[in-house]
Amino acid sequence: MRIITLNANGIRSAARKGFFSWLAQQNADIVCIQETKAQLPQLDDIVYFPQGYHCYYHSAEKPGYSGVALYCRQQPEQVHYGLGWPDMDSEGRWLEARYGALSVVSLYLPSGSSKEERQAFKYQLMDRLMPHLQEQKAQGRELIICGDWNIAHKEIDLKNWRGNQKNSGFLPEERAWLDRLFGEAGLVDAFRALEPRPEQYTWWSNRGQAWAKNVG
């Protein structure tokens, strides 16, 4: 199974930059997208429903904000739009495709960098998400959770880790939560399992030539 996950930073903007032409060459079985920043009435062009895929969008109630999507070659047996948590679901942050005992999820965890209230909201969701994942695992469900977690786990995951230790996304509490996720919850950081070398990243800021300089 070939799965692609990415933060689109706006699916309409990504389309204009050639995302769907690129995707057509990737032969992916499932595509997980975060930050679609669009509601269904705005996605009236067939380009947003690529041929050969069953396409699902879970948008935020607030226009131009958040939102996740899944494109699936094989039609899922079930699709879950959210977790039944109104505060999270209204922001379009969890979309789950179920195939028997396997779930593939497109997740967009909040950023807490804008203000303290958003960091508190992020912690609230993290506190609820951990027992949910543990319960699903205990029931025999296999989980592939793709997405933007808005947390860097270890020093190797962040180029300028020393200067970010007091910033949202690399706070001790957030990193400890990932310790639990990859420990007692039994999940695996698939990227680091496959790519343990330093200076390998999954996100770059769109400021200051971060991509060109590999400041991830």
N, C-alpha and C. Protein backbone atom coordinates (compact mmCIF):
# COMPACT_ATOMS: atom_id res chain seq x y z
N MET A 1 0.85 -1.20 0.00
CA MET A 1 0.00 0.00 0.00
C MET A 1 0.88 1.25 0.00
N ARG A 2 0.59 2.16 -0.90
CA ARG A 2 1.35 3.41 -1.00
C ARG A 2 0.47 4.56 -0.53
N ILE A 3 0.90 5.21 0.54
CA ILE A 3 0.13 6.30 1.13
C ILE A 3 0.96 7.58 1.07
N ILE A 4 0.34 8.65 0.63
CA ILE A 4 0.96 9.97 0.61
C ILE A 4 0.23 10.87 1.59
N THR A 5 0.97 11.65 2.35
CA THR A 5 0.34 12.62 3.24
C THR A 5 1.06 13.96 3.09
N LEU A 6 0.28 15.03 3.10
CA LEU A 6 0.89 16.36 3.01
C LEU A 6 -0.06 17.42 3.53
N ASN A 7 0.54 18.48 4.03
CA ASN A 7 -0.20 19.69 4.37
C ASN A 7 -0.20 20.56 3.12
N ALA A 8 -1.39 20.79 2.56
CA ALA A 8 -1.50 21.50 1.29
C ALA A 8 -1.42 23.01 1.45
N ASN A 9 -1.64 23.50 2.69
CA ASN A 9 -1.69 24.95 2.93
C ASN A 9 -2.65 25.61 1.94
N GLY A 10 -3.82 24.99 1.79
CA GLY A 10 -4.85 25.47 0.87
C GLY A 10 -4.90 24.61 -0.38
N ILE A 11 -5.94 23.80 -0.52
CA ILE A 11 -6.02 22.88 -1.66
C ILE A 11 -6.18 23.61 -2.98
N ARG A 12 -6.84 24.76 -2.96
CA ARG A 12 -7.01 25.52 -4.21
C ARG A 12 -5.69 26.15 -4.63
N SER A 13 -4.94 26.65 -3.67
CA SER A 13 -3.61 27.18 -3.97
C SER A 13 -2.70 26.07 -4.47
N ALA A 14 -2.76 24.90 -3.84
CA ALA A 14 -1.94 23.77 -4.27
C ALA A 14 -2.29 23.35 -5.70
N ALA A 15 -3.58 23.40 -6.04
CA ALA A 15 -4.00 23.05 -7.40
C ALA A 15 -3.37 23.99 -8.42
N ARG A 16 -3.36 25.27 -8.10
CA ARG A 16 -2.77 26.25 -9.03
C ARG A 16 -1.26 26.04 -9.19
N LYS A 17 -0.64 25.46 -8.19
CA LYS A 17 0.81 25.23 -8.23
C LYS A 17 1.18 23.87 -8.83
N GLY A 18 0.18 23.11 -9.31
CA GLY A 18 0.46 21.86 -10.00
C GLY A 18 0.34 20.61 -9.17
N PHE A 19 -0.28 20.71 -7.99
CA PHE A 19 -0.36 19.54 -7.11
C PHE A 19 -1.03 18.35 -7.78
N PHE A 20 -2.13 18.56 -8.46
CA PHE A 20 -2.87 17.43 -9.01
C PHE A 20 -2.16 16.80 -10.21
N SER A 21 -1.41 17.58 -10.95
CA SER A 21 -0.58 17.01 -12.02
C SER A 21 0.50 16.12 -11.43
N TRP A 22 1.10 16.59 -10.34
CA TRP A 22 2.10 15.79 -9.63
C TRP A 22 1.49 14.51 -9.07
N LEU A 23 0.31 14.65 -8.45
CA LEU A 23 -0.33 13.50 -7.82
C LEU A 23 -0.66 12.41 -8.83
N ALA A 24 -1.03 12.79 -10.04
CA ALA A 24 -1.40 11.82 -11.07
C ALA A 24 -0.24 10.90 -11.43
N GLN A 25 0.98 11.31 -11.11
CA GLN A 25 2.16 10.51 -11.44
C GLN A 25 2.64 9.65 -10.27
N GLN A 26 1.96 9.72 -9.12
CA GLN A 26 2.48 9.09 -7.90
C GLN A 26 1.98 7.68 -7.64
N ASN A 27 0.92 7.26 -8.29
CA ASN A 27 0.38 5.91 -8.10
C ASN A 27 0.10 5.60 -6.63
N ALA A 28 -0.51 6.54 -5.95
CA ALA A 28 -0.82 6.36 -4.52
C ALA A 28 -2.13 5.60 -4.36
N ASP A 29 -2.18 4.76 -3.34
CA ASP A 29 -3.43 4.08 -3.00
C ASP A 29 -4.33 4.97 -2.15
N ILE A 30 -3.73 5.72 -1.25
CA ILE A 30 -4.47 6.64 -0.39
C ILE A 30 -3.67 7.93 -0.27
N VAL A 31 -4.38 9.05 -0.33
CA VAL A 31 -3.76 10.36 -0.16
C VAL A 31 -4.44 11.06 1.01
N CYS A 32 -3.65 11.49 1.98
CA CYS A 32 -4.15 12.21 3.15
C CYS A 32 -3.70 13.67 3.04
N ILE A 33 -4.65 14.58 3.11
CA ILE A 33 -4.34 16.00 2.94
C ILE A 33 -4.82 16.76 4.17
N GLN A 34 -4.01 17.71 4.61
CA GLN A 34 -4.38 18.58 5.72
C GLN A 34 -4.36 20.04 5.27
N GLU A 35 -5.08 20.85 6.00
CA GLU A 35 -5.23 22.28 5.69
C GLU A 35 -5.73 22.50 4.27
N THR A 36 -6.89 21.93 3.99
CA THR A 36 -7.51 22.15 2.68
C THR A 36 -8.01 23.59 2.54
N LYS A 37 -8.42 24.20 3.64
CA LYS A 37 -8.85 25.60 3.66
C LYS A 37 -9.94 25.89 2.64
N ALA A 38 -10.88 24.97 2.50
CA ALA A 38 -11.96 25.15 1.53
C ALA A 38 -13.17 24.35 1.96
N GLN A 39 -14.34 24.83 1.59
CA GLN A 39 -15.57 24.11 1.83
C GLN A 39 -16.08 23.54 0.52
N LEU A 40 -16.91 22.51 0.60
CA LEU A 40 -17.31 21.77 -0.60
C LEU A 40 -17.85 22.65 -1.73
N PRO A 41 -18.71 23.64 -1.46
CA PRO A 41 -19.19 24.46 -2.58
C PRO A 41 -18.07 25.18 -3.34
N GLN A 42 -16.92 25.34 -2.69
CA GLN A 42 -15.78 25.99 -3.35
C GLN A 42 -14.96 25.01 -4.18
N LEU A 43 -15.26 23.72 -4.05
CA LEU A 43 -14.51 22.68 -4.76
C LEU A 43 -15.38 22.11 -5.87
N ASP A 44 -15.84 22.99 -6.75
CA ASP A 44 -16.78 22.58 -7.80
C ASP A 44 -16.10 22.19 -9.10
N ASP A 45 -14.78 22.21 -9.13
CA ASP A 45 -14.03 21.78 -10.30
C ASP A 45 -13.65 20.30 -10.14
N ILE A 46 -13.72 19.53 -11.22
CA ILE A 46 -13.43 18.10 -11.13
C ILE A 46 -11.98 17.83 -10.73
N VAL A 47 -11.12 18.83 -10.85
CA VAL A 47 -9.72 18.63 -10.46
C VAL A 47 -9.60 18.23 -9.00
N TYR A 48 -10.56 18.66 -8.17
CA TYR A 48 -10.52 18.35 -6.74
C TYR A 48 -11.04 16.95 -6.42
N PHE A 49 -11.44 16.23 -7.45
CA PHE A 49 -11.91 14.85 -7.29
C PHE A 49 -11.20 14.00 -8.33
N PRO A 50 -9.90 13.74 -8.12
CA PRO A 50 -9.09 13.09 -9.15
C PRO A 50 -9.64 11.73 -9.56
N GLN A 51 -9.53 11.47 -10.85
CA GLN A 51 -10.07 10.24 -11.43
C GLN A 51 -9.40 9.02 -10.80
N GLY A 52 -10.23 8.02 -10.52
CA GLY A 52 -9.72 6.79 -9.94
C GLY A 52 -9.73 6.75 -8.43
N TYR A 53 -10.18 7.85 -7.81
CA TYR A 53 -10.22 7.91 -6.35
C TYR A 53 -11.64 8.18 -5.85
N HIS A 54 -11.92 7.63 -4.68
CA HIS A 54 -13.09 8.03 -3.90
C HIS A 54 -12.60 9.17 -3.00
N CYS A 55 -13.21 10.33 -3.13
CA CYS A 55 -12.69 11.54 -2.48
C CYS A 55 -13.61 12.01 -1.37
N TYR A 56 -13.02 12.32 -0.24
CA TYR A 56 -13.78 12.74 0.94
C TYR A 56 -13.13 13.99 1.53
N TYR A 57 -13.97 14.96 1.86
CA TYR A 57 -13.50 16.21 2.47
C TYR A 57 -14.24 16.44 3.78
N HIS A 58 -13.49 16.81 4.80
CA HIS A 58 -14.09 17.22 6.08
C HIS A 58 -13.60 18.64 6.35
N SER A 59 -14.47 19.60 6.10
CA SER A 59 -14.08 21.01 6.14
C SER A 59 -14.43 21.64 7.48
N ALA A 60 -13.72 22.70 7.80
CA ALA A 60 -14.04 23.50 8.98
C ALA A 60 -15.28 24.34 8.70
N GLU A 61 -16.00 24.65 9.77
CA GLU A 61 -17.14 25.54 9.62
C GLU A 61 -16.69 26.95 9.24
N LYS A 62 -15.55 27.37 9.75
CA LYS A 62 -14.99 28.68 9.44
C LYS A 62 -14.40 28.66 8.04
N PRO A 63 -14.82 29.54 7.15
CA PRO A 63 -14.30 29.53 5.77
C PRO A 63 -12.80 29.79 5.72
N GLY A 64 -12.14 29.10 4.78
CA GLY A 64 -10.73 29.32 4.55
C GLY A 64 -9.82 28.88 5.67
N TYR A 65 -10.25 27.87 6.43
CA TYR A 65 -9.51 27.48 7.63
C TYR A 65 -9.47 25.97 7.76
N SER A 66 -8.33 25.43 8.14
CA SER A 66 -8.17 24.04 8.54
C SER A 66 -8.72 23.10 7.46
N GLY A 67 -9.31 21.98 7.86
CA GLY A 67 -9.90 21.03 6.93
C GLY A 67 -8.95 19.93 6.52
N VAL A 68 -9.51 18.72 6.35
CA VAL A 68 -8.72 17.55 5.94
C VAL A 68 -9.45 16.82 4.81
N ALA A 69 -8.70 15.98 4.11
CA ALA A 69 -9.27 15.23 2.99
C ALA A 69 -8.61 13.87 2.88
N LEU A 70 -9.32 12.95 2.24
CA LEU A 70 -8.80 11.62 1.91
C LEU A 70 -9.19 11.28 0.48
N TYR A 71 -8.23 10.78 -0.29
CA TYR A 71 -8.50 10.22 -1.61
C TYR A 71 -8.14 8.74 -1.54
N CYS A 72 -9.08 7.86 -1.83
CA CYS A 72 -8.89 6.43 -1.65
C CYS A 72 -9.16 5.67 -2.95
N ARG A 73 -8.20 4.89 -3.42
CA ARG A 73 -8.41 4.06 -4.60
C ARG A 73 -9.54 3.05 -4.35
N GLN A 74 -9.44 2.36 -3.24
CA GLN A 74 -10.47 1.39 -2.87
C GLN A 74 -11.46 2.06 -1.93
N GLN A 75 -12.72 1.91 -2.23
CA GLN A 75 -13.74 2.56 -1.42
C GLN A 75 -13.73 2.00 0.00
N PRO A 76 -13.64 2.86 1.01
CA PRO A 76 -13.65 2.38 2.39
C PRO A 76 -15.00 1.75 2.76
N GLU A 77 -14.95 0.87 3.74
CA GLU A 77 -16.19 0.30 4.26
C GLU A 77 -16.95 1.34 5.08
N GLN A 78 -16.20 2.20 5.76
CA GLN A 78 -16.80 3.28 6.54
C GLN A 78 -15.90 4.51 6.44
N VAL A 79 -16.52 5.68 6.52
CA VAL A 79 -15.77 6.94 6.61
C VAL A 79 -16.30 7.70 7.81
N HIS A 80 -15.41 8.06 8.72
CA HIS A 80 -15.79 8.80 9.92
C HIS A 80 -15.32 10.25 9.80
N TYR A 81 -16.29 11.15 9.80
CA TYR A 81 -15.99 12.57 9.72
C TYR A 81 -15.91 13.13 11.14
N GLY A 82 -14.73 13.11 11.70
CA GLY A 82 -14.55 13.58 13.07
C GLY A 82 -14.66 12.47 14.08
N LEU A 83 -14.54 12.86 15.34
CA LEU A 83 -14.55 11.90 16.45
C LEU A 83 -15.75 12.08 17.36
N GLY A 84 -16.70 12.90 16.95
CA GLY A 84 -17.85 13.17 17.80
C GLY A 84 -17.56 14.20 18.87
N TRP A 85 -16.49 14.96 18.68
CA TRP A 85 -16.13 16.04 19.61
C TRP A 85 -16.42 17.36 18.89
N PRO A 86 -17.49 18.05 19.24
CA PRO A 86 -17.91 19.24 18.47
C PRO A 86 -16.83 20.29 18.30
N ASP A 87 -16.03 20.54 19.35
CA ASP A 87 -15.02 21.60 19.23
C ASP A 87 -13.94 21.24 18.22
N MET A 88 -13.59 19.96 18.12
CA MET A 88 -12.60 19.51 17.14
C MET A 88 -13.24 19.32 15.76
N ASP A 89 -14.42 18.72 15.75
CA ASP A 89 -15.06 18.40 14.48
C ASP A 89 -15.45 19.65 13.71
N SER A 90 -15.80 20.72 14.41
CA SER A 90 -16.18 21.96 13.74
C SER A 90 -15.00 22.60 13.02
N GLU A 91 -13.79 22.16 13.35
CA GLU A 91 -12.60 22.69 12.70
C GLU A 91 -12.05 21.74 11.63
N GLY A 92 -12.74 20.62 11.39
CA GLY A 92 -12.33 19.71 10.32
C GLY A 92 -10.93 19.15 10.51
N ARG A 93 -10.73 18.36 11.57
CA ARG A 93 -9.37 17.93 11.92
C ARG A 93 -9.16 16.42 11.91
N TRP A 94 -10.19 15.63 11.72
CA TRP A 94 -10.04 14.17 11.73
C TRP A 94 -10.95 13.57 10.67
N LEU A 95 -10.36 12.79 9.76
CA LEU A 95 -11.11 12.09 8.72
C LEU A 95 -10.54 10.69 8.62
N GLU A 96 -11.38 9.69 8.82
CA GLU A 96 -10.92 8.31 8.98
C GLU A 96 -11.60 7.39 7.98
N ALA A 97 -10.80 6.63 7.24
CA ALA A 97 -11.29 5.61 6.32
C ALA A 97 -11.03 4.24 6.95
N ARG A 98 -12.08 3.42 7.02
CA ARG A 98 -11.96 2.11 7.65
C ARG A 98 -12.06 1.00 6.62
N TYR A 99 -11.10 0.08 6.71
CA TYR A 99 -11.07 -1.13 5.89
C TYR A 99 -10.94 -2.31 6.84
N GLY A 100 -12.04 -2.94 7.19
CA GLY A 100 -11.97 -3.99 8.18
C GLY A 100 -11.42 -3.46 9.49
N ALA A 101 -10.34 -4.08 9.98
CA ALA A 101 -9.73 -3.66 11.25
C ALA A 101 -8.67 -2.58 11.07
N LEU A 102 -8.51 -2.08 9.84
CA LEU A 102 -7.51 -1.05 9.56
C LEU A 102 -8.17 0.30 9.38
N SER A 103 -7.62 1.31 10.05
CA SER A 103 -8.06 2.70 9.87
C SER A 103 -6.90 3.52 9.31
N VAL A 104 -7.19 4.30 8.28
CA VAL A 104 -6.24 5.28 7.76
C VAL A 104 -6.85 6.65 8.02
N VAL A 105 -6.09 7.51 8.72
CA VAL A 105 -6.62 8.78 9.21
C VAL A 105 -5.82 9.94 8.63
N SER A 106 -6.54 10.98 8.23
CA SER A 106 -5.92 12.27 7.93
C SER A 106 -6.20 13.18 9.11
N LEU A 107 -5.15 13.56 9.82
CA LEU A 107 -5.27 14.33 11.07
C LEU A 107 -4.57 15.67 10.93
N TYR A 108 -5.22 16.70 11.44
CA TYR A 108 -4.58 18.02 11.52
C TYR A 108 -4.73 18.53 12.94
N LEU A 109 -3.70 18.30 13.76
CA LEU A 109 -3.72 18.75 15.14
C LEU A 109 -3.51 20.27 15.18
N PRO A 110 -4.17 20.97 16.08
CA PRO A 110 -4.04 22.44 16.10
C PRO A 110 -2.62 22.90 16.39
N SER A 111 -2.32 24.07 15.90
CA SER A 111 -1.11 24.78 16.31
C SER A 111 -1.46 25.64 17.51
N GLY A 112 -0.52 25.76 18.42
CA GLY A 112 -0.76 26.62 19.57
C GLY A 112 0.05 27.89 19.52
N SER A 113 0.61 28.19 18.37
CA SER A 113 1.57 29.30 18.28
C SER A 113 0.91 30.67 18.24
N SER A 114 -0.38 30.74 17.90
CA SER A 114 -1.00 32.06 17.71
C SER A 114 -1.34 32.74 19.03
N LYS A 115 -1.83 31.97 20.02
CA LYS A 115 -2.16 32.55 21.32
C LYS A 115 -2.34 31.45 22.35
N GLU A 116 -2.35 31.83 23.62
CA GLU A 116 -2.40 30.85 24.71
C GLU A 116 -3.66 30.01 24.66
N GLU A 117 -4.78 30.61 24.25
CA GLU A 117 -6.04 29.87 24.20
C GLU A 117 -5.95 28.70 23.22
N ARG A 118 -5.24 28.89 22.11
CA ARG A 118 -5.11 27.81 21.14
C ARG A 118 -4.17 26.72 21.64
N GLN A 119 -3.15 27.09 22.41
CA GLN A 119 -2.29 26.08 22.99
C GLN A 119 -3.07 25.26 24.01
N ALA A 120 -3.91 25.92 24.79
CA ALA A 120 -4.74 25.20 25.76
C ALA A 120 -5.69 24.25 25.05
N PHE A 121 -6.26 24.70 23.93
CA PHE A 121 -7.15 23.84 23.14
C PHE A 121 -6.38 22.64 22.59
N LYS A 122 -5.17 22.88 22.14
CA LYS A 122 -4.33 21.80 21.64
C LYS A 122 -4.09 20.75 22.72
N TYR A 123 -3.76 21.21 23.93
CA TYR A 123 -3.55 20.27 25.04
C TYR A 123 -4.82 19.49 25.36
N GLN A 124 -5.97 20.15 25.31
CA GLN A 124 -7.24 19.47 25.57
C GLN A 124 -7.47 18.34 24.58
N LEU A 125 -7.23 18.61 23.31
CA LEU A 125 -7.42 17.57 22.30
C LEU A 125 -6.41 16.44 22.48
N MET A 126 -5.18 16.78 22.80
CA MET A 126 -4.17 15.75 23.04
C MET A 126 -4.58 14.85 24.20
N ASP A 127 -5.12 15.45 25.27
CA ASP A 127 -5.55 14.68 26.44
C ASP A 127 -6.69 13.72 26.09
N ARG A 128 -7.55 14.11 25.17
CA ARG A 128 -8.66 13.25 24.76
C ARG A 128 -8.24 12.22 23.72
N LEU A 129 -7.29 12.63 22.88
CA LEU A 129 -6.90 11.75 21.78
C LEU A 129 -6.14 10.53 22.25
N MET A 130 -5.28 10.69 23.25
CA MET A 130 -4.47 9.58 23.73
C MET A 130 -5.33 8.39 24.17
N PRO A 131 -6.30 8.56 25.09
CA PRO A 131 -7.10 7.40 25.49
C PRO A 131 -7.94 6.84 24.34
N HIS A 132 -8.36 7.69 23.42
CA HIS A 132 -9.11 7.18 22.26
C HIS A 132 -8.25 6.23 21.43
N LEU A 133 -7.01 6.63 21.17
CA LEU A 133 -6.13 5.78 20.38
C LEU A 133 -5.79 4.50 21.13
N GLN A 134 -5.57 4.61 22.43
CA GLN A 134 -5.28 3.42 23.22
C GLN A 134 -6.46 2.45 23.22
N GLU A 135 -7.66 3.00 23.29
CA GLU A 135 -8.86 2.15 23.26
C GLU A 135 -9.00 1.44 21.92
N GLN A 136 -8.76 2.18 20.84
CA GLN A 136 -8.86 1.58 19.51
C GLN A 136 -7.84 0.46 19.34
N LYS A 137 -6.62 0.69 19.81
CA LYS A 137 -5.59 -0.34 19.73
C LYS A 137 -5.97 -1.56 20.57
N ALA A 138 -6.52 -1.32 21.76
CA ALA A 138 -6.91 -2.41 22.65
C ALA A 138 -8.02 -3.26 22.03
N GLN A 139 -8.83 -2.65 21.19
CA GLN A 139 -9.91 -3.37 20.52
C GLN A 139 -9.45 -4.09 19.26
N GLY A 140 -8.15 -4.01 18.97
CA GLY A 140 -7.60 -4.72 17.84
C GLY A 140 -7.55 -3.92 16.55
N ARG A 141 -7.81 -2.64 16.62
CA ARG A 141 -7.78 -1.82 15.41
C ARG A 141 -6.35 -1.38 15.10
N GLU A 142 -5.97 -1.56 13.84
CA GLU A 142 -4.68 -1.09 13.36
C GLU A 142 -4.84 0.34 12.84
N LEU A 143 -3.92 1.21 13.20
CA LEU A 143 -4.05 2.63 12.89
C LEU A 143 -2.87 3.12 12.05
N ILE A 144 -3.17 3.77 10.95
CA ILE A 144 -2.18 4.54 10.21
C ILE A 144 -2.67 5.98 10.25
N ILE A 145 -2.01 6.79 11.07
CA ILE A 145 -2.44 8.17 11.27
C ILE A 145 -1.46 9.08 10.55
N CYS A 146 -1.92 9.65 9.46
CA CYS A 146 -1.09 10.54 8.66
C CYS A 146 -1.53 11.97 8.93
N GLY A 147 -0.57 12.85 8.98
CA GLY A 147 -1.03 14.22 9.14
C GLY A 147 -0.01 15.17 9.70
N ASP A 148 -0.53 16.32 9.99
CA ASP A 148 0.25 17.41 10.56
C ASP A 148 -0.05 17.43 12.06
N TRP A 149 0.90 16.93 12.84
CA TRP A 149 0.72 16.86 14.28
C TRP A 149 1.08 18.18 14.96
N ASN A 150 1.75 19.06 14.26
CA ASN A 150 2.20 20.34 14.82
C ASN A 150 3.06 20.16 16.07
N ILE A 151 3.84 19.07 16.07
CA ILE A 151 4.80 18.80 17.15
C ILE A 151 6.03 18.15 16.54
N ALA A 152 7.19 18.63 16.90
CA ALA A 152 8.45 17.94 16.60
C ALA A 152 8.83 17.13 17.83
N HIS A 153 9.18 15.86 17.63
CA HIS A 153 9.37 14.97 18.76
C HIS A 153 10.75 15.11 19.41
N LYS A 154 11.78 14.95 18.64
CA LYS A 154 13.13 14.92 19.20
C LYS A 154 14.00 16.00 18.55
N GLU A 155 15.17 16.20 19.13
CA GLU A 155 16.08 17.23 18.63
C GLU A 155 16.42 17.01 17.16
N ILE A 156 16.51 15.75 16.75
CA ILE A 156 16.83 15.43 15.36
C ILE A 156 15.75 15.90 14.39
N ASP A 157 14.56 16.11 14.91
CA ASP A 157 13.42 16.47 14.07
C ASP A 157 13.30 17.96 13.80
N LEU A 158 14.19 18.74 14.36
CA LEU A 158 14.08 20.20 14.25
C LEU A 158 15.48 20.79 14.10
N LYS A 159 15.69 21.50 13.02
CA LYS A 159 17.02 22.06 12.75
C LYS A 159 17.47 22.99 13.88
N ASN A 160 16.64 23.96 14.22
CA ASN A 160 16.99 24.92 15.27
C ASN A 160 16.27 24.58 16.57
N TRP A 161 16.54 23.40 17.08
CA TRP A 161 15.81 22.93 18.25
C TRP A 161 16.14 23.73 19.51
N ARG A 162 17.36 24.20 19.63
CA ARG A 162 17.73 24.94 20.85
C ARG A 162 16.90 26.21 21.01
N GLY A 163 16.65 26.89 19.91
CA GLY A 163 15.90 28.13 19.98
C GLY A 163 14.40 27.96 20.00
N ASN A 164 13.93 26.71 19.95
CA ASN A 164 12.49 26.47 19.90
C ASN A 164 11.95 25.73 21.13
N GLN A 165 12.77 25.59 22.16
CA GLN A 165 12.35 24.78 23.30
C GLN A 165 11.22 25.40 24.10
N LYS A 166 10.99 26.70 23.93
CA LYS A 166 9.89 27.36 24.63
C LYS A 166 8.76 27.75 23.67
N ASN A 167 8.82 27.22 22.46
CA ASN A 167 7.82 27.54 21.45
C ASN A 167 6.85 26.38 21.25
N SER A 168 5.59 26.72 20.97
CA SER A 168 4.61 25.70 20.66
C SER A 168 5.10 24.83 19.51
N GLY A 169 4.92 23.53 19.67
CA GLY A 169 5.40 22.58 18.68
C GLY A 169 6.65 21.85 19.11
N PHE A 170 7.34 22.38 20.15
CA PHE A 170 8.52 21.71 20.68
C PHE A 170 8.61 21.88 22.19
N LEU A 171 7.46 22.09 22.81
CA LEU A 171 7.42 22.24 24.27
C LEU A 171 7.64 20.89 24.95
N PRO A 172 8.22 20.88 26.15
CA PRO A 172 8.46 19.61 26.84
C PRO A 172 7.19 18.77 27.00
N GLU A 173 6.06 19.43 27.28
CA GLU A 173 4.81 18.69 27.47
C GLU A 173 4.36 18.02 26.17
N GLU A 174 4.56 18.70 25.06
CA GLU A 174 4.17 18.14 23.77
C GLU A 174 5.06 16.95 23.40
N ARG A 175 6.35 17.11 23.63
CA ARG A 175 7.29 16.04 23.31
C ARG A 175 7.07 14.83 24.21
N ALA A 176 6.74 15.07 25.48
CA ALA A 176 6.44 13.96 26.39
C ALA A 176 5.19 13.22 25.95
N TRP A 177 4.23 13.95 25.40
CA TRP A 177 3.01 13.32 24.89
C TRP A 177 3.35 12.37 23.74
N LEU A 178 4.26 12.79 22.86
CA LEU A 178 4.68 11.90 21.78
C LEU A 178 5.47 10.71 22.31
N ASP A 179 6.22 10.90 23.40
CA ASP A 179 6.89 9.76 24.04
C ASP A 179 5.85 8.71 24.42
N ARG A 180 4.74 9.15 24.98
CA ARG A 180 3.67 8.22 25.36
C ARG A 180 3.02 7.60 24.13
N LEU A 181 2.82 8.41 23.10
CA LEU A 181 2.18 7.91 21.88
C LEU A 181 3.00 6.79 21.26
N PHE A 182 4.33 6.97 21.23
CA PHE A 182 5.21 5.97 20.64
C PHE A 182 5.67 4.94 21.66
N GLY A 183 5.21 5.08 22.90
CA GLY A 183 5.54 4.13 23.95
C GLY A 183 4.33 3.32 24.34
N GLU A 184 3.63 3.79 25.36
CA GLU A 184 2.51 3.00 25.89
C GLU A 184 1.35 2.85 24.91
N ALA A 185 1.16 3.81 24.00
CA ALA A 185 0.06 3.69 23.03
C ALA A 185 0.42 2.75 21.89
N GLY A 186 1.71 2.46 21.71
CA GLY A 186 2.13 1.45 20.75
C GLY A 186 2.21 1.90 19.31
N LEU A 187 2.18 3.21 19.05
CA LEU A 187 2.33 3.68 17.69
C LEU A 187 3.81 3.84 17.33
N VAL A 188 4.09 3.96 16.05
CA VAL A 188 5.46 4.05 15.54
C VAL A 188 5.58 5.30 14.68
N ASP A 189 6.66 6.04 14.86
CA ASP A 189 6.97 7.16 13.97
C ASP A 189 7.52 6.57 12.68
N ALA A 190 6.64 6.40 11.68
CA ALA A 190 7.03 5.70 10.46
C ALA A 190 8.15 6.41 9.72
N PHE A 191 8.12 7.74 9.72
CA PHE A 191 9.16 8.47 9.01
C PHE A 191 10.52 8.19 9.61
N ARG A 192 10.62 8.29 10.95
CA ARG A 192 11.92 8.08 11.59
C ARG A 192 12.34 6.61 11.55
N ALA A 193 11.38 5.70 11.51
CA ALA A 193 11.73 4.29 11.39
C ALA A 193 12.38 4.00 10.04
N LEU A 194 11.94 4.72 9.02
CA LEU A 194 12.48 4.52 7.67
C LEU A 194 13.65 5.45 7.36
N GLU A 195 13.70 6.59 8.04
CA GLU A 195 14.71 7.61 7.74
C GLU A 195 15.33 8.12 9.04
N PRO A 196 16.28 7.36 9.62
CA PRO A 196 16.86 7.75 10.91
C PRO A 196 17.99 8.76 10.82
N ARG A 197 18.39 9.15 9.61
CA ARG A 197 19.54 10.06 9.48
C ARG A 197 19.18 11.47 9.91
N PRO A 198 20.15 12.24 10.38
CA PRO A 198 19.89 13.65 10.72
C PRO A 198 19.65 14.48 9.47
N GLU A 199 19.11 15.67 9.70
CA GLU A 199 18.83 16.64 8.64
C GLU A 199 17.86 16.10 7.60
N GLN A 200 16.96 15.23 8.04
CA GLN A 200 15.85 14.75 7.21
C GLN A 200 14.57 15.23 7.89
N TYR A 201 13.78 16.01 7.19
CA TYR A 201 12.62 16.66 7.80
C TYR A 201 11.35 16.42 6.99
N THR A 202 10.23 16.75 7.57
CA THR A 202 8.94 16.60 6.89
C THR A 202 8.21 17.92 6.73
N TRP A 203 8.77 19.00 7.22
CA TRP A 203 8.12 20.32 7.13
C TRP A 203 9.19 21.41 7.10
N TRP A 204 8.89 22.45 6.28
CA TRP A 204 9.76 23.61 6.20
C TRP A 204 8.88 24.86 6.20
N SER A 205 9.30 25.88 6.89
CA SER A 205 8.59 27.14 6.86
C SER A 205 8.64 27.73 5.45
N ASN A 206 7.62 28.53 5.11
CA ASN A 206 7.66 29.20 3.81
C ASN A 206 8.38 30.55 3.90
N ARG A 207 9.08 30.76 5.00
CA ARG A 207 9.84 31.99 5.19
C ARG A 207 11.34 31.73 5.14
N GLY A 208 12.08 32.74 4.73
CA GLY A 208 13.54 32.72 4.85
C GLY A 208 14.26 31.62 4.10
N GLN A 209 13.72 31.18 2.98
CA GLN A 209 14.37 30.14 2.17
C GLN A 209 14.63 28.87 2.98
N ALA A 210 13.68 28.52 3.84
CA ALA A 210 13.86 27.35 4.70
C ALA A 210 14.01 26.07 3.88
N TRP A 211 13.25 25.95 2.80
CA TRP A 211 13.36 24.75 1.96
C TRP A 211 14.74 24.68 1.29
N ALA A 212 15.15 25.77 0.70
CA ALA A 212 16.44 25.80 -0.01
C ALA A 212 17.60 25.53 0.94
N LYS A 213 17.48 25.99 2.17
CA LYS A 213 18.56 25.82 3.16
C LYS A 213 18.35 24.59 4.03
N ASN A 214 17.28 23.85 3.78
CA ASN A 214 16.93 22.65 4.56
C ASN A 214 16.84 22.96 6.06
N VAL A 215 16.18 24.05 6.38
CA VAL A 215 15.91 24.38 7.78
C VAL A 215 14.51 23.86 8.10
N GLY A 216 14.46 22.58 8.47
CA GLY A 216 13.17 21.92 8.69
C GLY A 216 12.81 21.83 10.14
